[in-house]
Amino acid sequence: MQWRMAMTRHVRFAALSLAAACSVAASCDNELLDPPTEFLAVRRAWRPGERDSVVASIIANRTFFIVLPAAGAVDFSDDADALLPTDSTTDIIPNPDYDGPPGSLMGPSFSVNNGMVPGGGWTTYGIDIAITNNNPGEPDFNWLGMFWYLNSDPTRRGFLLAATAAATFPATLVNTTAFDASGAMAGVGGGEFRTDSSITWLATGGSAPNTFRVVSTTFAGGFTTITTGPFTGGQVRGGTMNVQALTIRLNRVGGGPFLTVNISGGINALQYNCVFPTPCTTNSLREP
């Protein structure tokens, strides 16, 4: 099953900018990862009225529509309120400790024909999905990953997904071709797509180290029963996830400019627990 998935110029901020952003809330641990990534996810307090506006926009624009392997097109936009904590949100900022190779496509002078996703001007979230399939002969699925969209044009969306039932995931080479071939049961795959066109990028290699890692996940509090969307009857709760996507290249299907994912930090995340076919009843969870 083929995935459908979809620039910011590198800017150096002073270290003081990062320190100010990290002082608002506590999720800046991943700035210490070695090697550093070009962009960091850092937490800050919500501005007055901002959270309600973001939730309403996600629901109205169906921003959380993505295409998952083994589940097809799914839309969990209605779970935005469960995802976003009441006290803080996440911003994506340039990492002042990052020093890409001068003159390379990964450094400050990379070509405008290529781009960084996600980066400044993008929103990034984590996702933890556990699907227990009680139908005879049909597999269970367990994934950790991240997904993103461009704030100014949310038709541009992408994600990375790792097959694992653990709460963390070691740095692993991203290979969408192999991930698809495994039936989404092993490894990591991902890419980006545009919902308003057929333009698609897939993580099929061509950069180094090209790895995805989930450093930690934290989910607290009780689950909420889901009443709409692709996980109807299942359970969901919000939390955080620390990730590192290290120089992952997304190649455009059919040729053309590629994209690069090079980001780390703590991001808001959703955790899904779904026992199919009951109490989780949605048919889209079945192997297509």
Protein backbone atom coordinates (compact mmCIF):
# COMPACT_ATOMS: atom_id res chain seq x y z
CA MET A 1 0.00 0.00 0.00
CA GLN A 2 1.52 3.28 -1.08
CA TRP A 3 1.33 6.23 1.29
CA ARG A 4 0.30 9.70 0.23
CA MET A 5 2.09 12.22 2.31
CA ALA A 6 3.37 16.67 1.57
CA MET A 7 10.25 25.48 3.70
CA THR A 8 11.71 27.36 5.83
CA ARG A 9 15.10 28.97 5.36
CA HIS A 10 17.68 28.17 7.99
CA VAL A 11 17.92 31.07 10.48
CA ARG A 12 20.33 31.25 13.38
CA PHE A 13 18.79 32.57 16.60
CA ALA A 14 20.90 33.70 19.53
CA ALA A 15 21.10 31.23 22.42
CA LEU A 16 19.16 33.74 24.50
CA SER A 17 16.06 33.17 22.34
CA LEU A 18 16.03 29.47 23.12
CA ALA A 19 16.64 30.05 26.81
CA ALA A 20 13.68 32.41 26.96
CA ALA A 21 11.42 29.95 25.18
CA CYS A 22 12.48 27.06 27.42
CA SER A 23 11.98 29.04 30.59
CA VAL A 24 8.20 29.09 30.08
CA ALA A 25 7.82 25.31 30.35
CA ALA A 26 9.96 22.25 30.79
CA SER A 27 10.26 20.38 27.47
CA CYS A 28 13.65 21.46 26.19
CA ASP A 29 15.55 18.31 27.14
CA ASN A 30 16.15 17.26 23.56
CA GLU A 31 18.33 20.27 22.79
CA LEU A 32 21.10 18.21 24.44
CA LEU A 33 20.85 15.33 21.96
CA ASP A 34 23.96 14.71 19.90
CA PRO A 35 24.09 15.43 17.04
CA PRO A 36 21.75 18.44 17.31
CA THR A 37 18.90 18.95 14.88
CA GLU A 38 18.29 22.12 12.91
CA PHE A 39 14.95 22.82 14.59
CA LEU A 40 13.73 22.38 18.16
CA ALA A 41 10.24 21.94 19.57
CA VAL A 42 9.92 24.07 22.72
CA ARG A 43 6.95 24.75 24.97
CA ARG A 44 5.36 28.07 25.87
CA ALA A 45 2.20 29.23 27.59
CA TRP A 46 -0.94 29.70 25.52
CA ARG A 47 -1.84 33.27 24.60
CA PRO A 48 -5.32 34.43 25.68
CA GLY A 49 -7.94 32.69 23.54
CA GLU A 50 -5.33 30.89 21.43
CA ARG A 51 -6.12 27.33 22.47
CA ASP A 52 -9.84 27.61 21.71
CA SER A 53 -9.01 29.14 18.34
CA VAL A 54 -6.57 26.35 17.44
CA VAL A 55 -9.04 23.61 18.42
CA ALA A 56 -11.83 25.24 16.42
CA SER A 57 -9.57 25.64 13.38
CA ILE A 58 -8.42 22.00 13.47
CA ILE A 59 -12.02 20.77 13.63
CA ALA A 60 -13.32 23.16 10.97
CA ASN A 61 -10.49 22.50 8.50
CA ARG A 62 -10.25 18.73 9.25
CA THR A 63 -6.53 19.31 9.75
CA PHE A 64 -5.87 15.90 11.33
CA PHE A 65 -6.71 14.00 8.14
CA ILE A 66 -3.85 11.69 7.19
CA VAL A 67 -3.39 8.36 5.43
CA LEU A 68 -2.21 5.56 7.70
CA PRO A 69 -0.84 2.24 6.48
CA ALA A 70 -3.23 -0.66 7.12
CA ALA A 71 -6.00 1.80 8.00
CA GLY A 72 -6.30 4.03 4.94
CA ALA A 73 -7.51 7.61 5.15
CA VAL A 74 -8.38 8.58 8.71
CA ASP A 75 -9.52 11.87 10.22
CA PHE A 76 -9.12 12.35 13.97
CA SER A 77 -9.62 16.13 13.95
CA ASP A 78 -12.45 15.85 16.48
CA ASP A 79 -9.86 14.74 19.08
CA ALA A 80 -8.03 18.09 19.00
CA ASP A 81 -9.39 19.10 22.40
CA ALA A 82 -7.98 15.92 23.96
CA LEU A 83 -4.60 16.55 22.35
CA LEU A 84 -3.96 20.11 23.45
CA PRO A 85 -3.15 20.66 27.14
CA THR A 86 -4.78 23.60 28.83
CA ASP A 87 -1.54 25.20 30.08
CA SER A 88 0.90 25.25 27.16
CA THR A 89 1.61 24.61 23.49
CA THR A 90 4.69 23.90 21.34
CA ASP A 91 6.62 26.22 19.01
CA ILE A 92 9.17 25.15 16.41
CA ILE A 93 12.30 27.34 16.49
CA PRO A 94 15.75 27.22 14.86
CA ASN A 95 18.34 25.50 17.05
CA PRO A 96 21.15 27.94 17.97
CA ASP A 97 23.50 24.98 18.48
CA TYR A 98 22.98 23.61 14.98
CA ASP A 99 25.80 24.15 12.49
CA GLY A 100 25.02 22.51 9.16
CA PRO A 101 27.76 21.97 6.59
CA PRO A 102 28.38 25.34 4.84
CA GLY A 103 27.09 25.37 1.29
CA SER A 104 25.26 22.07 1.61
CA LEU A 105 21.56 21.44 1.11
CA MET A 106 21.29 20.84 4.86
CA GLY A 107 23.00 24.04 5.95
CA PRO A 108 22.29 27.77 5.97
CA SER A 109 22.65 28.15 2.20
CA PHE A 110 20.47 25.26 1.04
CA SER A 111 18.64 25.75 -2.26
CA VAL A 112 15.23 27.42 -2.16
CA ASN A 113 14.05 24.59 -4.42
CA ASN A 114 14.20 22.28 -1.42
CA GLY A 115 12.78 22.76 2.05
CA MET A 116 12.73 21.88 5.73
CA VAL A 117 9.59 20.26 7.10
CA PRO A 118 8.55 20.72 9.76
CA GLY A 119 10.30 23.90 10.79
CA GLY A 120 9.38 27.45 11.68
CA GLY A 121 5.77 28.10 10.72
CA TRP A 122 4.77 24.44 11.07
CA THR A 123 2.87 22.67 13.83
CA THR A 124 4.01 19.20 14.95
CA TYR A 125 2.29 16.60 17.14
CA GLY A 126 3.05 13.08 18.35
CA ILE A 127 0.85 10.01 18.05
CA ASP A 128 0.80 6.65 19.84
CA ILE A 129 -1.61 4.06 18.40
CA ALA A 130 -2.31 0.61 19.83
CA ILE A 131 -4.80 -1.48 17.82
CA THR A 132 -5.69 -4.91 19.20
CA ASN A 133 -7.47 -6.86 16.46
CA ASN A 134 -9.59 -9.74 17.74
CA ASN A 135 -10.72 -10.85 14.29
CA PRO A 136 -9.12 -14.24 13.50
CA GLY A 137 -6.18 -13.95 11.14
CA GLU A 138 -5.98 -10.16 11.26
CA PRO A 139 -2.92 -8.50 12.84
CA ASP A 140 -2.54 -6.07 15.71
CA PHE A 141 -0.83 -2.74 15.04
CA ASN A 142 1.30 -0.62 17.37
CA TRP A 143 2.85 2.64 16.20
CA LEU A 144 4.72 5.63 17.59
CA GLY A 145 5.16 8.65 15.39
CA MET A 146 4.76 12.32 14.65
CA PHE A 147 2.73 14.33 12.17
CA TRP A 148 2.83 17.94 11.04
CA TYR A 149 1.10 20.61 8.96
CA LEU A 150 1.98 24.05 7.59
CA ASN A 151 0.19 26.74 9.63
CA SER A 152 -0.37 29.03 6.64
CA ASP A 153 -1.52 26.17 4.39
CA PRO A 154 -2.75 23.12 6.32
CA THR A 155 -3.32 21.23 3.06
CA ARG A 156 0.41 20.43 3.38
CA ARG A 157 0.67 17.54 5.85
CA GLY A 158 3.12 14.77 6.62
CA PHE A 159 4.16 12.20 9.18
CA LEU A 160 6.62 9.56 10.34
CA LEU A 161 5.44 6.29 11.86
CA ALA A 162 7.47 3.59 13.66
CA ALA A 163 6.19 0.08 14.29
CA THR A 164 6.63 -0.66 18.01
CA ALA A 165 4.59 -1.55 21.07
CA ALA A 166 7.11 0.10 23.41
CA ALA A 167 6.93 3.56 24.95
CA THR A 168 10.20 4.55 23.26
CA PHE A 169 11.91 3.76 19.96
CA PRO A 170 15.66 3.64 19.22
CA ALA A 171 17.22 5.67 16.41
CA THR A 172 16.29 3.66 13.32
CA LEU A 173 16.87 4.12 9.61
CA VAL A 174 13.75 5.44 7.88
CA ASN A 175 12.77 3.35 4.84
CA THR A 176 9.18 3.71 3.66
CA THR A 177 9.56 1.05 0.97
CA ALA A 178 10.60 -1.58 3.53
CA PHE A 179 7.98 -0.37 6.03
CA ASP A 180 5.20 -0.79 3.47
CA ALA A 181 6.56 -4.18 2.43
CA SER A 182 6.32 -5.34 6.06
CA GLY A 183 2.64 -4.41 6.18
CA ALA A 184 3.53 -1.56 8.57
CA MET A 185 4.72 -4.15 11.09
CA ALA A 186 8.47 -3.31 11.19
CA GLY A 187 10.73 -0.28 10.85
CA VAL A 188 9.83 3.33 10.09
CA GLY A 189 8.18 5.01 7.14
CA GLY A 190 6.78 8.39 6.31
CA GLY A 191 6.43 11.29 3.94
CA GLU A 192 4.33 14.31 3.10
CA PHE A 193 1.35 14.98 0.87
CA ARG A 194 -0.94 17.79 -0.23
CA THR A 195 -4.64 17.27 0.26
CA ASP A 196 -5.44 19.65 -2.61
CA SER A 197 -3.33 17.83 -5.22
CA SER A 198 -1.59 14.55 -5.98
CA ILE A 199 1.88 15.86 -4.99
CA THR A 200 3.55 13.36 -2.68
CA TRP A 201 6.94 13.00 -0.98
CA LEU A 202 8.13 9.70 0.53
CA ALA A 203 10.98 8.97 2.96
CA THR A 204 12.95 6.70 0.66
CA GLY A 205 16.51 7.70 1.60
CA GLY A 206 19.29 9.78 0.10
CA SER A 207 20.51 11.53 3.26
CA ALA A 208 22.44 10.62 6.40
CA PRO A 209 21.88 9.60 9.10
CA ASN A 210 18.17 9.44 8.09
CA THR A 211 16.97 8.15 11.47
CA PHE A 212 13.86 8.54 13.64
CA ARG A 213 13.87 8.15 17.42
CA VAL A 214 11.28 8.45 20.18
CA VAL A 215 13.20 9.37 23.34
CA SER A 216 10.26 9.25 25.75
CA THR A 217 6.48 9.37 25.99
CA THR A 218 4.40 10.66 28.89
CA PHE A 219 0.64 10.14 29.10
CA ALA A 220 -1.20 10.85 32.34
CA GLY A 221 -4.81 10.94 33.41
CA GLY A 222 -7.77 8.90 32.32
CA PHE A 223 -8.82 7.91 28.83
CA THR A 224 -11.86 9.41 27.10
CA THR A 225 -14.16 7.24 25.00
CA ILE A 226 -14.14 8.26 21.34
CA THR A 227 -17.56 8.88 19.78
CA THR A 228 -16.60 9.96 16.23
CA GLY A 229 -13.91 9.37 13.65
CA PRO A 230 -11.65 6.44 12.76
CA PHE A 231 -11.29 5.13 16.33
CA THR A 232 -14.96 5.22 17.36
CA GLY A 233 -15.49 3.17 20.51
CA GLY A 234 -11.82 3.29 21.39
CA GLN A 235 -10.09 5.45 23.97
CA VAL A 236 -7.88 8.54 23.72
CA ARG A 237 -5.86 10.75 26.03
CA GLY A 238 -3.31 13.51 25.64
CA GLY A 239 0.32 13.71 26.72
CA THR A 240 3.77 14.54 25.39
CA MET A 241 6.40 12.82 23.28
CA ASN A 242 10.11 13.61 22.89
CA VAL A 243 11.28 12.86 19.37
CA GLN A 244 14.36 13.18 17.18
CA ALA A 245 14.01 13.11 13.39
CA LEU A 246 17.58 13.39 12.18
CA THR A 247 18.17 14.56 8.59
CA ILE A 248 15.43 12.47 7.01
CA ARG A 249 15.02 13.09 3.28
CA LEU A 250 11.57 13.01 1.67
CA ASN A 251 11.80 12.44 -2.07
CA ARG A 252 9.08 13.73 -4.36
CA VAL A 253 7.28 10.97 -6.23
CA GLY A 254 7.90 11.45 -9.95
CA GLY A 255 10.96 13.63 -9.32
CA GLY A 256 11.48 17.22 -8.28
CA PRO A 257 12.56 19.12 -5.14
CA PHE A 258 13.00 17.02 -2.02
CA LEU A 259 12.18 17.93 1.59
CA THR A 260 14.16 17.33 4.79
CA VAL A 261 12.99 16.59 8.34
CA ASN A 262 15.54 17.62 10.99
CA ILE A 263 13.82 18.35 14.30
CA SER A 264 13.83 17.26 17.94
CA GLY A 265 12.08 18.14 21.18
CA GLY A 266 8.99 17.64 23.27
CA ILE A 267 5.67 17.82 21.41
CA ASN A 268 2.04 17.36 22.40
CA ALA A 269 0.80 13.88 21.60
CA LEU A 270 -2.31 11.71 21.40
CA GLN A 271 -2.48 8.12 22.64
CA TYR A 272 -5.09 5.79 21.15
CA ASN A 273 -6.14 2.42 22.54
CA CYS A 274 -8.46 0.51 20.24
CA VAL A 275 -9.74 -3.08 20.60
CA PHE A 276 -11.36 -4.04 17.30
CA PRO A 277 -14.12 -5.00 16.45
CA THR A 278 -15.53 -4.25 19.90
CA PRO A 279 -15.69 -1.85 21.66
CA CYS A 280 -13.75 -0.11 18.86
CA THR A 281 -16.11 -0.57 15.92
CA THR A 282 -14.69 1.48 13.04
CA ASN A 283 -14.23 -0.49 9.82
CA SER A 284 -11.35 1.73 8.65
CA LEU A 285 -9.08 -0.05 11.13
CA ARG A 286 -9.24 -3.23 9.07
CA GLU A 287 -6.49 -4.25 6.70
CA PRO A 288 -7.54 -2.91 3.24
